[in-house]
Amino acid sequence: LALFNSLTLLPTMFLNALILITLWRTPVLHTPQMALLANIALSDLIVSIVAQPITITLLVLDLNPSARPKAYCAISMAQLIATTLFGGVSHLGITALTVDRFLALNYHLRYPSIVSMRRVVSVAVIFWGAAVLTSILWIIF
């Protein structure tokens, strides 16, 4: 599992960064649906920068349990918080993208009035806030 994570780390970083750059530089892609995609790409990019290296570290440390450092508990907590925060935003983003496609297919005439950039940004902010709150709860309890 550590090997798989190590092999996918750099492509994940590069490809999510490429998606964000492409969406940023192409004005025709500045739509609510692409904003949802950008939110997912951003959270996945942060997962590959923050959470995935911590996970790899824990998996390598688990190979020899008797040689675990004293910081193992702190590393474990950091991994839990990072995966909850950024993985949670990613999962919520995929859910929002699914709802967006449902609305586009079933309410195609009213879709532009239902799904606006302002609403999509509001939903993304709520997702990040909920993920931060959930991560804080892990620290408190």
N, C-alpha and C. Protein backbone atom coordinates (compact mmCIF):
# COMPACT_ATOMS: atom_id res chain seq x y z
N LEU A 1 0.82 -1.20 0.00
CA LEU A 1 0.00 0.00 0.00
C LEU A 1 0.87 1.26 0.00
N ALA A 2 1.98 1.21 0.74
CA ALA A 2 2.89 2.36 0.75
C ALA A 2 3.50 2.56 -0.63
N LEU A 3 3.81 1.46 -1.30
CA LEU A 3 4.38 1.55 -2.65
C LEU A 3 3.37 2.16 -3.62
N PHE A 4 2.13 1.71 -3.55
CA PHE A 4 1.09 2.26 -4.43
C PHE A 4 0.91 3.75 -4.20
N ASN A 5 0.85 4.17 -2.93
CA ASN A 5 0.72 5.59 -2.61
C ASN A 5 1.92 6.38 -3.10
N SER A 6 3.09 5.80 -2.97
CA SER A 6 4.30 6.48 -3.44
C SER A 6 4.30 6.65 -4.95
N LEU A 7 3.83 5.64 -5.66
CA LEU A 7 3.81 5.70 -7.12
C LEU A 7 2.76 6.68 -7.66
N THR A 8 1.67 6.85 -6.94
CA THR A 8 0.60 7.73 -7.41
C THR A 8 0.73 9.17 -6.91
N LEU A 9 1.67 9.42 -6.01
CA LEU A 9 1.81 10.74 -5.40
C LEU A 9 2.12 11.83 -6.44
N LEU A 10 3.19 11.67 -7.20
CA LEU A 10 3.58 12.70 -8.16
C LEU A 10 2.58 12.88 -9.31
N PRO A 11 2.08 11.79 -9.91
CA PRO A 11 1.06 12.01 -10.95
C PRO A 11 -0.19 12.71 -10.42
N THR A 12 -0.58 12.40 -9.20
CA THR A 12 -1.75 13.06 -8.61
C THR A 12 -1.50 14.55 -8.46
N MET A 13 -0.33 14.91 -7.96
CA MET A 13 0.01 16.33 -7.83
C MET A 13 0.00 17.03 -9.18
N PHE A 14 0.72 16.44 -10.12
CA PHE A 14 0.88 17.06 -11.44
C PHE A 14 -0.45 17.21 -12.17
N LEU A 15 -1.24 16.16 -12.20
CA LEU A 15 -2.48 16.18 -12.98
C LEU A 15 -3.53 17.10 -12.36
N ASN A 16 -3.62 17.14 -11.04
CA ASN A 16 -4.58 18.05 -10.41
C ASN A 16 -4.15 19.50 -10.59
N ALA A 17 -2.84 19.75 -10.52
CA ALA A 17 -2.34 21.11 -10.79
C ALA A 17 -2.63 21.49 -12.24
N LEU A 18 -2.47 20.55 -13.16
CA LEU A 18 -2.75 20.80 -14.57
C LEU A 18 -4.23 21.13 -14.79
N ILE A 19 -5.11 20.42 -14.11
CA ILE A 19 -6.55 20.71 -14.21
C ILE A 19 -6.84 22.12 -13.72
N LEU A 20 -6.26 22.49 -12.57
CA LEU A 20 -6.50 23.83 -12.02
C LEU A 20 -5.98 24.92 -12.95
N ILE A 21 -4.79 24.73 -13.49
CA ILE A 21 -4.21 25.72 -14.41
C ILE A 21 -5.06 25.85 -15.66
N THR A 22 -5.49 24.72 -16.20
CA THR A 22 -6.33 24.74 -17.41
C THR A 22 -7.65 25.46 -17.16
N LEU A 23 -8.28 25.16 -16.04
CA LEU A 23 -9.55 25.82 -15.72
C LEU A 23 -9.36 27.32 -15.49
N TRP A 24 -8.25 27.68 -14.88
CA TRP A 24 -7.97 29.09 -14.58
C TRP A 24 -7.71 29.89 -15.86
N ARG A 25 -6.96 29.30 -16.79
CA ARG A 25 -6.53 30.03 -17.99
C ARG A 25 -7.52 30.00 -19.15
N THR A 26 -8.56 29.21 -19.05
CA THR A 26 -9.51 29.09 -20.16
C THR A 26 -10.84 29.72 -19.75
N PRO A 27 -11.09 30.96 -20.20
CA PRO A 27 -12.32 31.66 -19.77
C PRO A 27 -13.61 30.94 -20.12
N VAL A 28 -13.63 30.20 -21.23
CA VAL A 28 -14.86 29.51 -21.61
C VAL A 28 -15.23 28.41 -20.59
N LEU A 29 -14.27 28.00 -19.79
CA LEU A 29 -14.52 26.96 -18.78
C LEU A 29 -14.92 27.54 -17.42
N HIS A 30 -15.13 28.85 -17.34
CA HIS A 30 -15.53 29.47 -16.07
C HIS A 30 -17.04 29.33 -15.88
N THR A 31 -17.47 28.10 -15.66
CA THR A 31 -18.89 27.79 -15.47
C THR A 31 -19.08 27.19 -14.08
N PRO A 32 -20.31 27.13 -13.58
CA PRO A 32 -20.54 26.51 -12.27
C PRO A 32 -20.05 25.06 -12.20
N GLN A 33 -20.30 24.29 -13.24
CA GLN A 33 -19.86 22.90 -13.24
C GLN A 33 -18.34 22.80 -13.13
N MET A 34 -17.63 23.65 -13.85
CA MET A 34 -16.17 23.63 -13.81
C MET A 34 -15.65 24.16 -12.48
N ALA A 35 -16.42 25.04 -11.83
CA ALA A 35 -16.04 25.51 -10.50
C ALA A 35 -16.10 24.35 -9.50
N LEU A 36 -17.09 23.50 -9.65
CA LEU A 36 -17.17 22.30 -8.81
C LEU A 36 -15.98 21.37 -9.07
N LEU A 37 -15.64 21.22 -10.35
CA LEU A 37 -14.49 20.39 -10.71
C LEU A 37 -13.20 20.99 -10.16
N ALA A 38 -13.06 22.31 -10.22
CA ALA A 38 -11.87 22.97 -9.67
C ALA A 38 -11.77 22.76 -8.17
N ASN A 39 -12.90 22.79 -7.48
CA ASN A 39 -12.90 22.55 -6.04
C ASN A 39 -12.41 21.13 -5.72
N ILE A 40 -12.86 20.16 -6.49
CA ILE A 40 -12.41 18.78 -6.30
C ILE A 40 -10.92 18.66 -6.60
N ALA A 41 -10.49 19.28 -7.70
CA ALA A 41 -9.07 19.22 -8.07
C ALA A 41 -8.20 19.88 -7.00
N LEU A 42 -8.66 20.99 -6.44
CA LEU A 42 -7.90 21.67 -5.38
C LEU A 42 -7.79 20.78 -4.15
N SER A 43 -8.88 20.20 -3.71
CA SER A 43 -8.82 19.34 -2.52
C SER A 43 -7.97 18.11 -2.78
N ASP A 44 -8.05 17.54 -3.98
CA ASP A 44 -7.22 16.38 -4.31
C ASP A 44 -5.74 16.76 -4.40
N LEU A 45 -5.46 17.96 -4.89
CA LEU A 45 -4.07 18.43 -4.93
C LEU A 45 -3.52 18.56 -3.51
N ILE A 46 -4.31 19.11 -2.62
CA ILE A 46 -3.86 19.26 -1.23
C ILE A 46 -3.73 17.89 -0.56
N VAL A 47 -4.60 16.95 -0.90
CA VAL A 47 -4.46 15.58 -0.39
C VAL A 47 -3.11 15.02 -0.80
N SER A 48 -2.74 15.22 -2.06
CA SER A 48 -1.47 14.66 -2.54
C SER A 48 -0.26 15.38 -1.96
N ILE A 49 -0.42 16.63 -1.57
CA ILE A 49 0.70 17.38 -0.98
C ILE A 49 0.82 17.14 0.52
N VAL A 50 -0.31 17.02 1.20
CA VAL A 50 -0.30 16.94 2.67
C VAL A 50 -0.62 15.53 3.18
N ALA A 51 -1.78 15.03 2.85
CA ALA A 51 -2.27 13.79 3.46
C ALA A 51 -1.54 12.55 2.96
N GLN A 52 -1.27 12.49 1.68
CA GLN A 52 -0.66 11.28 1.13
C GLN A 52 0.76 11.04 1.67
N PRO A 53 1.62 12.07 1.77
CA PRO A 53 2.94 11.81 2.37
C PRO A 53 2.86 11.35 3.84
N ILE A 54 1.91 11.91 4.58
CA ILE A 54 1.75 11.48 5.98
C ILE A 54 1.29 10.03 6.02
N THR A 55 0.39 9.66 5.14
CA THR A 55 -0.09 8.28 5.07
C THR A 55 1.04 7.33 4.70
N ILE A 56 1.87 7.72 3.75
CA ILE A 56 3.02 6.89 3.36
C ILE A 56 3.95 6.71 4.55
N THR A 57 4.20 7.79 5.29
CA THR A 57 5.06 7.71 6.48
C THR A 57 4.50 6.72 7.49
N LEU A 58 3.20 6.79 7.76
CA LEU A 58 2.59 5.85 8.71
C LEU A 58 2.67 4.41 8.22
N LEU A 59 2.44 4.20 6.94
CA LEU A 59 2.51 2.84 6.40
C LEU A 59 3.91 2.27 6.50
N VAL A 60 4.91 3.10 6.28
CA VAL A 60 6.30 2.64 6.41
C VAL A 60 6.63 2.36 7.87
N LEU A 61 6.17 3.23 8.78
CA LEU A 61 6.41 3.01 10.21
C LEU A 61 5.72 1.75 10.71
N ASP A 62 4.60 1.40 10.12
CA ASP A 62 3.87 0.20 10.52
C ASP A 62 4.57 -1.09 10.11
N LEU A 63 5.54 -0.99 9.20
CA LEU A 63 6.27 -2.19 8.78
C LEU A 63 7.10 -2.76 9.92
N ASN A 64 7.55 -1.90 10.83
CA ASN A 64 8.35 -2.34 11.97
C ASN A 64 7.78 -1.68 13.24
N PRO A 65 6.75 -2.26 13.83
CA PRO A 65 6.08 -1.64 14.98
C PRO A 65 6.99 -1.40 16.18
N SER A 66 8.02 -2.22 16.35
CA SER A 66 8.90 -2.05 17.52
C SER A 66 9.81 -0.84 17.38
N ALA A 67 9.98 -0.32 16.18
CA ALA A 67 10.87 0.81 15.96
C ALA A 67 10.12 2.13 15.76
N ARG A 68 8.86 2.17 16.16
CA ARG A 68 8.07 3.39 15.99
C ARG A 68 8.64 4.51 16.85
N PRO A 69 8.71 5.71 16.29
CA PRO A 69 9.19 6.83 17.09
C PRO A 69 8.11 7.30 18.07
N LYS A 70 8.53 8.13 19.03
CA LYS A 70 7.58 8.65 20.00
C LYS A 70 6.54 9.56 19.34
N ALA A 71 6.88 10.11 18.19
CA ALA A 71 5.97 11.02 17.49
C ALA A 71 4.92 10.27 16.68
N TYR A 72 4.89 8.95 16.78
CA TYR A 72 3.95 8.16 15.98
C TYR A 72 2.50 8.58 16.23
N CYS A 73 2.16 8.82 17.47
CA CYS A 73 0.78 9.21 17.81
C CYS A 73 0.44 10.56 17.17
N ALA A 74 1.38 11.50 17.21
CA ALA A 74 1.15 12.82 16.60
C ALA A 74 1.03 12.70 15.08
N ILE A 75 1.87 11.86 14.48
CA ILE A 75 1.81 11.64 13.03
C ILE A 75 0.47 11.01 12.67
N SER A 76 0.03 10.08 13.49
CA SER A 76 -1.25 9.41 13.26
C SER A 76 -2.41 10.40 13.34
N MET A 77 -2.36 11.30 14.31
CA MET A 77 -3.40 12.32 14.46
C MET A 77 -3.38 13.30 13.29
N ALA A 78 -2.18 13.68 12.84
CA ALA A 78 -2.07 14.58 11.68
C ALA A 78 -2.65 13.93 10.43
N GLN A 79 -2.42 12.63 10.28
CA GLN A 79 -2.96 11.91 9.13
C GLN A 79 -4.49 11.86 9.20
N LEU A 80 -5.01 11.62 10.37
CA LEU A 80 -6.47 11.56 10.56
C LEU A 80 -7.11 12.91 10.23
N ILE A 81 -6.51 13.98 10.72
CA ILE A 81 -7.05 15.32 10.48
C ILE A 81 -6.95 15.69 9.00
N ALA A 82 -5.79 15.43 8.40
CA ALA A 82 -5.58 15.79 6.99
C ALA A 82 -6.52 15.02 6.06
N THR A 83 -6.67 13.73 6.31
CA THR A 83 -7.56 12.95 5.44
C THR A 83 -9.02 13.32 5.67
N THR A 84 -9.39 13.63 6.91
CA THR A 84 -10.76 14.05 7.19
C THR A 84 -11.06 15.39 6.51
N LEU A 85 -10.13 16.32 6.65
CA LEU A 85 -10.34 17.65 6.10
C LEU A 85 -10.38 17.64 4.57
N PHE A 86 -9.30 17.21 3.96
CA PHE A 86 -9.20 17.33 2.50
C PHE A 86 -9.93 16.21 1.77
N GLY A 87 -9.92 15.01 2.33
CA GLY A 87 -10.69 13.92 1.73
C GLY A 87 -12.18 14.17 1.84
N GLY A 88 -12.59 14.77 2.95
CA GLY A 88 -14.00 15.10 3.13
C GLY A 88 -14.49 16.11 2.10
N VAL A 89 -13.67 17.13 1.85
CA VAL A 89 -14.04 18.13 0.83
C VAL A 89 -14.13 17.47 -0.54
N SER A 90 -13.21 16.56 -0.82
CA SER A 90 -13.22 15.86 -2.10
C SER A 90 -14.49 15.04 -2.27
N HIS A 91 -14.87 14.30 -1.24
CA HIS A 91 -16.09 13.49 -1.32
C HIS A 91 -17.34 14.35 -1.44
N LEU A 92 -17.39 15.42 -0.68
CA LEU A 92 -18.54 16.33 -0.78
C LEU A 92 -18.60 16.98 -2.16
N GLY A 93 -17.44 17.29 -2.72
CA GLY A 93 -17.39 17.88 -4.06
C GLY A 93 -17.91 16.93 -5.13
N ILE A 94 -17.56 15.66 -5.01
CA ILE A 94 -18.06 14.67 -5.96
C ILE A 94 -19.58 14.54 -5.83
N THR A 95 -20.07 14.60 -4.60
CA THR A 95 -21.51 14.57 -4.38
C THR A 95 -22.19 15.78 -5.03
N ALA A 96 -21.59 16.95 -4.85
CA ALA A 96 -22.15 18.17 -5.45
C ALA A 96 -22.14 18.09 -6.98
N LEU A 97 -21.07 17.54 -7.54
CA LEU A 97 -21.00 17.39 -8.99
C LEU A 97 -22.07 16.42 -9.50
N THR A 98 -22.35 15.39 -8.72
CA THR A 98 -23.41 14.44 -9.07
C THR A 98 -24.78 15.12 -9.04
N VAL A 99 -25.02 15.91 -8.00
CA VAL A 99 -26.29 16.66 -7.90
C VAL A 99 -26.40 17.65 -9.06
N ASP A 100 -25.29 18.29 -9.41
CA ASP A 100 -25.27 19.22 -10.54
C ASP A 100 -25.68 18.52 -11.83
N ARG A 101 -25.14 17.35 -12.08
CA ARG A 101 -25.49 16.61 -13.30
C ARG A 101 -26.95 16.16 -13.27
N PHE A 102 -27.43 15.77 -12.08
CA PHE A 102 -28.85 15.40 -11.94
C PHE A 102 -29.74 16.58 -12.31
N LEU A 103 -29.41 17.76 -11.78
CA LEU A 103 -30.20 18.95 -12.08
C LEU A 103 -30.13 19.31 -13.56
N ALA A 104 -28.95 19.16 -14.15
CA ALA A 104 -28.80 19.49 -15.58
C ALA A 104 -29.63 18.56 -16.45
N LEU A 105 -29.72 17.29 -16.08
CA LEU A 105 -30.47 16.33 -16.88
C LEU A 105 -31.98 16.43 -16.67
N ASN A 106 -32.38 16.64 -15.44
CA ASN A 106 -33.81 16.62 -15.12
C ASN A 106 -34.49 17.99 -15.19
N TYR A 107 -33.73 19.05 -15.06
CA TYR A 107 -34.28 20.40 -15.10
C TYR A 107 -33.49 21.24 -16.09
N HIS A 108 -33.29 20.70 -17.29
CA HIS A 108 -32.40 21.34 -18.25
C HIS A 108 -32.84 22.75 -18.64
N LEU A 109 -34.11 23.04 -18.65
CA LEU A 109 -34.56 24.39 -19.00
C LEU A 109 -34.37 25.38 -17.85
N ARG A 110 -34.53 24.90 -16.63
CA ARG A 110 -34.38 25.77 -15.46
C ARG A 110 -32.99 25.71 -14.86
N TYR A 111 -32.14 24.84 -15.38
CA TYR A 111 -30.80 24.63 -14.81
C TYR A 111 -30.01 25.93 -14.60
N PRO A 112 -29.95 26.83 -15.59
CA PRO A 112 -29.17 28.06 -15.38
C PRO A 112 -29.70 28.94 -14.25
N SER A 113 -30.99 28.88 -13.99
CA SER A 113 -31.54 29.68 -12.88
C SER A 113 -31.38 28.98 -11.54
N ILE A 114 -31.24 27.67 -11.56
CA ILE A 114 -31.05 26.92 -10.31
C ILE A 114 -29.59 26.92 -9.89
N VAL A 115 -28.70 26.63 -10.84
CA VAL A 115 -27.27 26.48 -10.55
C VAL A 115 -26.54 27.72 -11.06
N SER A 116 -26.14 28.58 -10.14
CA SER A 116 -25.39 29.78 -10.50
C SER A 116 -23.99 29.70 -9.89
N MET A 117 -23.11 30.53 -10.38
CA MET A 117 -21.74 30.55 -9.85
C MET A 117 -21.76 30.94 -8.37
N ARG A 118 -22.61 31.87 -8.01
CA ARG A 118 -22.69 32.30 -6.61
C ARG A 118 -23.11 31.14 -5.70
N ARG A 119 -24.08 30.36 -6.14
CA ARG A 119 -24.53 29.21 -5.34
C ARG A 119 -23.45 28.14 -5.24
N VAL A 120 -22.76 27.91 -6.34
CA VAL A 120 -21.69 26.90 -6.33
C VAL A 120 -20.57 27.32 -5.39
N VAL A 121 -20.18 28.59 -5.43
CA VAL A 121 -19.14 29.07 -4.53
C VAL A 121 -19.62 28.97 -3.08
N SER A 122 -20.87 29.30 -2.83
CA SER A 122 -21.42 29.18 -1.47
C SER A 122 -21.38 27.74 -0.98
N VAL A 123 -21.74 26.81 -1.85
CA VAL A 123 -21.70 25.39 -1.49
C VAL A 123 -20.27 24.95 -1.20
N ALA A 124 -19.32 25.40 -2.01
CA ALA A 124 -17.92 25.03 -1.80
C ALA A 124 -17.42 25.58 -0.46
N VAL A 125 -17.78 26.81 -0.14
CA VAL A 125 -17.37 27.39 1.15
C VAL A 125 -17.99 26.61 2.30
N ILE A 126 -19.23 26.22 2.17
CA ILE A 126 -19.89 25.41 3.20
C ILE A 126 -19.17 24.06 3.36
N PHE A 127 -18.79 23.44 2.24
CA PHE A 127 -18.07 22.17 2.30
C PHE A 127 -16.75 22.32 3.05
N TRP A 128 -15.98 23.35 2.72
CA TRP A 128 -14.70 23.56 3.40
C TRP A 128 -14.92 23.85 4.89
N GLY A 129 -15.95 24.63 5.19
CA GLY A 129 -16.25 24.93 6.59
C GLY A 129 -16.66 23.68 7.37
N ALA A 130 -17.48 22.84 6.75
CA ALA A 130 -17.90 21.59 7.40
C ALA A 130 -16.70 20.66 7.62
N ALA A 131 -15.81 20.61 6.65
CA ALA A 131 -14.63 19.76 6.79
C ALA A 131 -13.70 20.28 7.88
N VAL A 132 -13.53 21.59 7.96
CA VAL A 132 -12.70 22.17 9.03
C VAL A 132 -13.34 21.88 10.38
N LEU A 133 -14.64 22.05 10.49
CA LEU A 133 -15.34 21.78 11.74
C LEU A 133 -15.18 20.32 12.16
N THR A 134 -15.32 19.41 11.21
CA THR A 134 -15.15 17.99 11.50
C THR A 134 -13.74 17.69 11.98
N SER A 135 -12.76 18.31 11.35
CA SER A 135 -11.36 18.11 11.76
C SER A 135 -11.11 18.66 13.15
N ILE A 136 -11.71 19.80 13.46
CA ILE A 136 -11.56 20.37 14.80
C ILE A 136 -12.19 19.45 15.84
N LEU A 137 -13.31 18.83 15.49
CA LEU A 137 -13.94 17.89 16.42
C LEU A 137 -13.03 16.70 16.71
N TRP A 138 -12.25 16.25 15.71
CA TRP A 138 -11.28 15.16 15.95
C TRP A 138 -10.24 15.60 16.97
N ILE A 139 -9.84 16.86 16.92
CA ILE A 139 -8.83 17.36 17.86
C ILE A 139 -9.42 17.45 19.27
N ILE A 140 -10.64 17.97 19.37
CA ILE A 140 -11.27 18.17 20.67
C ILE A 140 -11.60 16.84 21.35
N PHE A 141 -12.16 15.92 20.58
CA PHE A 141 -12.60 14.65 21.17
C PHE A 141 -11.65 13.55 20.79
